[in-house]
Amino acid sequence: LAMGFQAQRNKRPGDYAFWNCDELTSLIFPSSLKGIGKSAFLNCEGLSRVTLPEGITSIGETAFASCERLSSTTIPSSVIKIGDRAFSNCLRLINLTISQGVTSIGEGAFRSCGNLPRVIIPSSVSTIGKGAFERCSRLTSLTISEGIANIGREAFRDCSILTRVMLPSSVTSIGYAAFGHCSELRDVFFLGDTPVLESNVFDSAAPEFSIYTFVSKRFEPFLN
């Protein structure tokens, strides 16, 4: 089943609008779309691809959560915030583009997207919410761009094969266990001053785990 929206009548699919529509496989959104309601496409297990138009400003809480066949999505630059758990448990998501312009990634937004291999977070994002990418167990490549200030609690917890993280100078705080139980994490590089670190930020990292800070144009081991 493919579905389109009338451009003039549907500025925003309402809360729970298509919840549990198992046979829905594709969506065509009009350019007039302004937002996606809470749980609008929750548990649409047949949905494989979502392309959101420029002009949309909000993606609601659990909007596409548990769309188990969803493999690809692009968040356009007009989106201000990706809602809490918006794409959580999208088990087959492998292609994710977060466009420059997005400012906030909500709590658990991509939690348990267990096949997601890479994430690039653009410089427009200032806050990565609690558990935003928790349990993304296939994540191997993470780019956190200059401009991001706050990394929330457990944001990347249990990303179990992530080996290396570079943190830009704009980062001022990293929450509790943000990289906890990243059991293959070996190297973390701070490109600026060491941010405020809550407890257990790098708990249960690899045995050879090291932190480096950028001093006098080169990286030096961090001595706590």
Protein backbone atom coordinates (compact mmCIF):
# COMPACT_ATOMS: atom_id res chain seq x y z
CA LEU A 1 0.00 0.00 0.00
CA ALA A 2 1.33 3.41 -1.01
CA MET A 3 -0.18 6.53 0.42
CA GLY A 4 -0.18 10.24 -0.43
CA PHE A 5 -1.48 13.30 1.38
CA GLN A 6 -3.63 16.08 -0.02
CA ALA A 7 -1.35 19.11 -0.09
CA GLN A 8 -3.90 21.62 1.11
CA ARG A 9 -5.74 19.57 3.71
CA ASN A 10 -2.97 17.76 5.52
CA LYS A 11 -0.31 20.05 6.89
CA ARG A 12 0.48 17.48 9.59
CA PRO A 13 -0.53 13.83 10.00
CA GLY A 14 -2.14 13.76 13.43
CA ASP A 15 -1.12 11.82 16.51
CA TYR A 16 -1.47 8.05 15.96
CA ALA A 17 -2.86 8.76 12.46
CA PHE A 18 -1.51 5.57 10.83
CA TRP A 19 -0.37 3.64 13.87
CA ASN A 20 -0.06 -0.11 13.22
CA CYS A 21 -0.71 0.12 9.46
CA ASP A 22 1.27 -3.02 8.72
CA GLU A 23 0.60 -3.00 4.95
CA LEU A 24 1.86 0.55 4.40
CA THR A 25 5.06 0.34 2.31
CA SER A 26 5.69 3.86 0.99
CA LEU A 27 4.72 7.46 1.63
CA ILE A 28 4.42 10.52 -0.61
CA PHE A 29 4.37 13.77 1.31
CA PRO A 30 3.40 17.14 -0.18
CA SER A 31 5.71 20.14 -0.04
CA SER A 32 3.17 21.86 2.23
CA LEU A 33 3.80 19.36 5.04
CA LYS A 34 4.83 21.10 8.27
CA GLY A 35 5.13 18.30 10.79
CA ILE A 36 4.60 14.65 11.71
CA GLY A 37 2.40 13.95 14.74
CA LYS A 38 3.20 11.82 17.76
CA SER A 39 3.28 8.10 16.88
CA ALA A 40 1.83 8.92 13.45
CA PHE A 41 3.51 5.92 11.80
CA LEU A 42 4.38 3.87 14.86
CA ASN A 43 4.66 0.13 14.12
CA CYS A 44 4.21 0.50 10.36
CA GLU A 45 6.30 -2.60 9.88
CA GLY A 46 6.11 -2.65 6.06
CA LEU A 47 7.41 0.89 5.57
CA SER A 48 10.86 0.68 3.98
CA ARG A 49 11.83 4.24 3.06
CA VAL A 50 10.86 7.73 4.23
CA THR A 51 11.71 10.92 2.35
CA LEU A 52 10.58 14.03 4.20
CA PRO A 53 10.19 17.27 2.23
CA GLU A 54 11.98 20.52 2.94
CA GLY A 55 9.68 22.77 4.95
CA ILE A 56 8.79 20.24 7.62
CA THR A 57 9.79 21.63 11.01
CA SER A 58 8.91 18.91 13.53
CA ILE A 59 8.99 15.14 13.81
CA GLY A 60 6.90 14.01 16.75
CA GLU A 61 7.66 11.61 19.56
CA THR A 62 7.80 7.97 18.33
CA ALA A 63 6.64 9.17 14.89
CA PHE A 64 8.35 6.30 13.04
CA ALA A 65 9.31 4.07 15.95
CA SER A 66 9.38 0.31 15.40
CA CYS A 67 9.12 0.60 11.62
CA GLU A 68 11.17 -2.55 11.40
CA ARG A 69 11.72 -2.54 7.62
CA LEU A 70 12.68 1.11 7.37
CA SER A 71 16.15 1.15 5.81
CA SER A 72 16.71 4.75 4.76
CA THR A 73 15.65 8.23 5.80
CA THR A 74 16.80 11.83 5.38
CA ILE A 75 16.02 14.50 7.94
CA PRO A 76 15.72 17.79 6.00
CA SER A 77 17.40 21.02 7.07
CA SER A 78 14.08 22.67 7.98
CA VAL A 79 13.54 20.27 10.92
CA ILE A 80 14.31 21.96 14.24
CA LYS A 81 14.10 18.94 16.52
CA ILE A 82 13.94 15.21 15.97
CA GLY A 83 11.43 14.10 18.58
CA ASP A 84 12.04 11.70 21.43
CA ARG A 85 12.25 8.08 20.22
CA ALA A 86 11.17 9.25 16.76
CA PHE A 87 13.04 6.42 14.96
CA SER A 88 13.74 4.08 17.86
CA ASN A 89 13.74 0.34 17.16
CA CYS A 90 14.04 0.78 13.40
CA LEU A 91 16.03 -2.42 13.26
CA ARG A 92 16.96 -2.29 9.55
CA LEU A 93 17.88 1.38 9.32
CA ILE A 94 21.26 1.55 7.57
CA ASN A 95 21.19 4.92 5.77
CA LEU A 96 20.60 8.02 7.89
CA THR A 97 21.20 11.60 6.78
CA ILE A 98 20.74 14.41 9.31
CA SER A 99 20.90 17.65 7.35
CA GLN A 100 22.63 20.85 8.40
CA GLY A 101 19.91 22.93 10.09
CA VAL A 102 18.64 20.39 12.61
CA THR A 103 19.36 21.80 16.09
CA SER A 104 18.35 19.06 18.53
CA ILE A 105 18.21 15.27 18.57
CA GLY A 106 15.66 14.08 21.12
CA GLU A 107 15.95 11.45 23.82
CA GLY A 108 16.23 7.96 22.39
CA ALA A 109 15.64 9.32 18.88
CA PHE A 110 17.55 6.45 17.22
CA ARG A 111 17.82 4.05 20.15
CA SER A 112 18.20 0.39 19.18
CA CYS A 113 18.70 1.03 15.48
CA GLY A 114 20.88 -2.02 15.63
CA ASN A 115 22.14 -2.06 12.03
CA LEU A 116 23.02 1.61 11.65
CA PRO A 117 26.73 1.66 10.66
CA ARG A 118 27.54 5.37 10.56
CA VAL A 119 26.28 8.67 11.93
CA ILE A 120 27.28 12.20 10.95
CA ILE A 121 25.93 14.85 13.29
CA PRO A 122 26.07 18.29 11.65
CA SER A 123 27.39 21.45 13.29
CA SER A 124 23.89 22.96 13.56
CA VAL A 125 23.02 20.43 16.30
CA SER A 126 23.71 21.81 19.77
CA THR A 127 22.27 18.99 21.90
CA ILE A 128 22.28 15.22 21.57
CA GLY A 129 19.59 13.90 23.89
CA LYS A 130 19.70 11.16 26.49
CA GLY A 131 20.09 7.74 24.88
CA ALA A 132 19.81 9.22 21.38
CA PHE A 133 21.92 6.48 19.78
CA GLU A 134 21.98 3.99 22.63
CA ARG A 135 22.28 0.34 21.62
CA CYS A 136 23.22 1.12 18.01
CA SER A 137 25.29 -2.02 18.17
CA ARG A 138 26.67 -1.91 14.59
CA LEU A 139 27.83 1.70 14.76
CA THR A 140 31.46 1.90 13.63
CA SER A 141 31.78 5.47 12.34
CA LEU A 142 30.73 8.53 14.35
CA THR A 143 31.32 12.14 13.29
CA ILE A 144 30.41 14.83 15.82
CA SER A 145 30.85 18.21 14.16
CA GLU A 146 32.15 21.45 15.64
CA GLY A 147 29.19 23.34 17.14
CA ILE A 148 27.74 20.60 19.32
CA ALA A 149 27.78 21.63 22.99
CA ASN A 150 26.03 18.94 25.01
CA ILE A 151 26.09 15.17 24.73
CA GLY A 152 23.36 13.69 26.90
CA ARG A 153 23.36 10.81 29.35
CA GLU A 154 23.84 7.39 27.73
CA ALA A 155 23.74 9.02 24.28
CA PHE A 156 25.98 6.33 22.75
CA ARG A 157 25.83 3.70 25.46
CA ASP A 158 26.20 0.11 24.27
CA CYS A 159 27.56 1.04 20.85
CA SER A 160 29.64 -2.04 21.32
CA ILE A 161 31.91 -1.99 18.24
CA LEU A 162 32.67 1.74 18.14
CA THR A 163 36.47 2.06 18.46
CA ARG A 164 37.32 5.76 18.09
CA VAL A 165 35.67 9.10 18.90
CA MET A 166 36.84 12.63 18.16
CA LEU A 167 35.09 15.33 20.20
CA PRO A 168 35.17 18.91 18.90
CA SER A 169 36.23 21.91 20.96
CA SER A 170 32.61 23.12 21.14
CA VAL A 171 31.60 20.25 23.44
CA THR A 172 31.23 21.61 26.99
CA SER A 173 29.51 18.73 28.78
CA ILE A 174 29.16 14.97 28.43
CA GLY A 175 26.50 13.20 30.46
CA TYR A 176 26.54 10.10 32.62
CA ALA A 177 27.64 6.94 30.76
CA ALA A 178 27.38 8.72 27.40
CA PHE A 179 29.83 6.21 25.96
CA GLY A 180 29.38 3.57 28.64
CA HIS A 181 29.70 -0.08 27.69
CA CYS A 182 31.28 0.76 24.33
CA SER A 183 33.42 -2.27 24.91
CA GLU A 184 35.67 -1.81 21.84
CA LEU A 185 36.26 1.92 22.39
CA ARG A 186 40.02 2.45 22.46
CA ASP A 187 40.71 6.09 21.61
CA VAL A 188 38.96 9.36 22.48
CA PHE A 189 40.36 12.66 21.25
CA PHE A 190 39.39 16.04 22.72
CA LEU A 191 40.03 18.76 20.14
CA GLY A 192 39.66 21.54 22.72
CA ASP A 193 39.54 21.98 26.47
CA THR A 194 38.37 18.91 28.36
CA PRO A 195 34.60 19.26 28.85
CA VAL A 196 32.71 18.69 32.07
CA LEU A 197 32.43 14.92 32.42
CA GLU A 198 29.75 13.30 34.52
CA SER A 199 30.48 9.92 36.09
CA ASN A 200 31.09 6.74 34.11
CA VAL A 201 31.23 8.55 30.76
CA PHE A 202 33.56 5.89 29.33
CA ASP A 203 32.69 3.04 31.68
CA SER A 204 33.55 -0.47 30.46
CA ALA A 205 35.57 0.67 27.45
CA ALA A 206 38.30 -1.51 25.93
CA PRO A 207 41.17 -2.52 28.27
CA GLU A 208 43.64 -0.40 26.26
CA PHE A 209 41.36 2.67 26.37
CA SER A 210 43.10 6.09 26.19
CA ILE A 211 42.05 9.75 26.15
CA TYR A 212 44.06 12.37 24.29
CA THR A 213 43.87 16.16 24.39
CA PHE A 214 45.12 18.60 21.75
CA VAL A 215 48.03 20.55 23.24
CA SER A 216 50.56 22.70 21.38
CA LYS A 217 49.38 21.47 17.98
CA ARG A 218 49.59 17.80 18.86
CA PHE A 219 47.67 15.19 20.83
CA GLU A 220 48.94 14.35 24.30
CA PRO A 221 47.68 11.61 26.65
CA PHE A 222 45.12 13.00 29.07
CA LEU A 223 46.19 12.79 32.72
CA ASN A 224 43.21 13.00 35.04
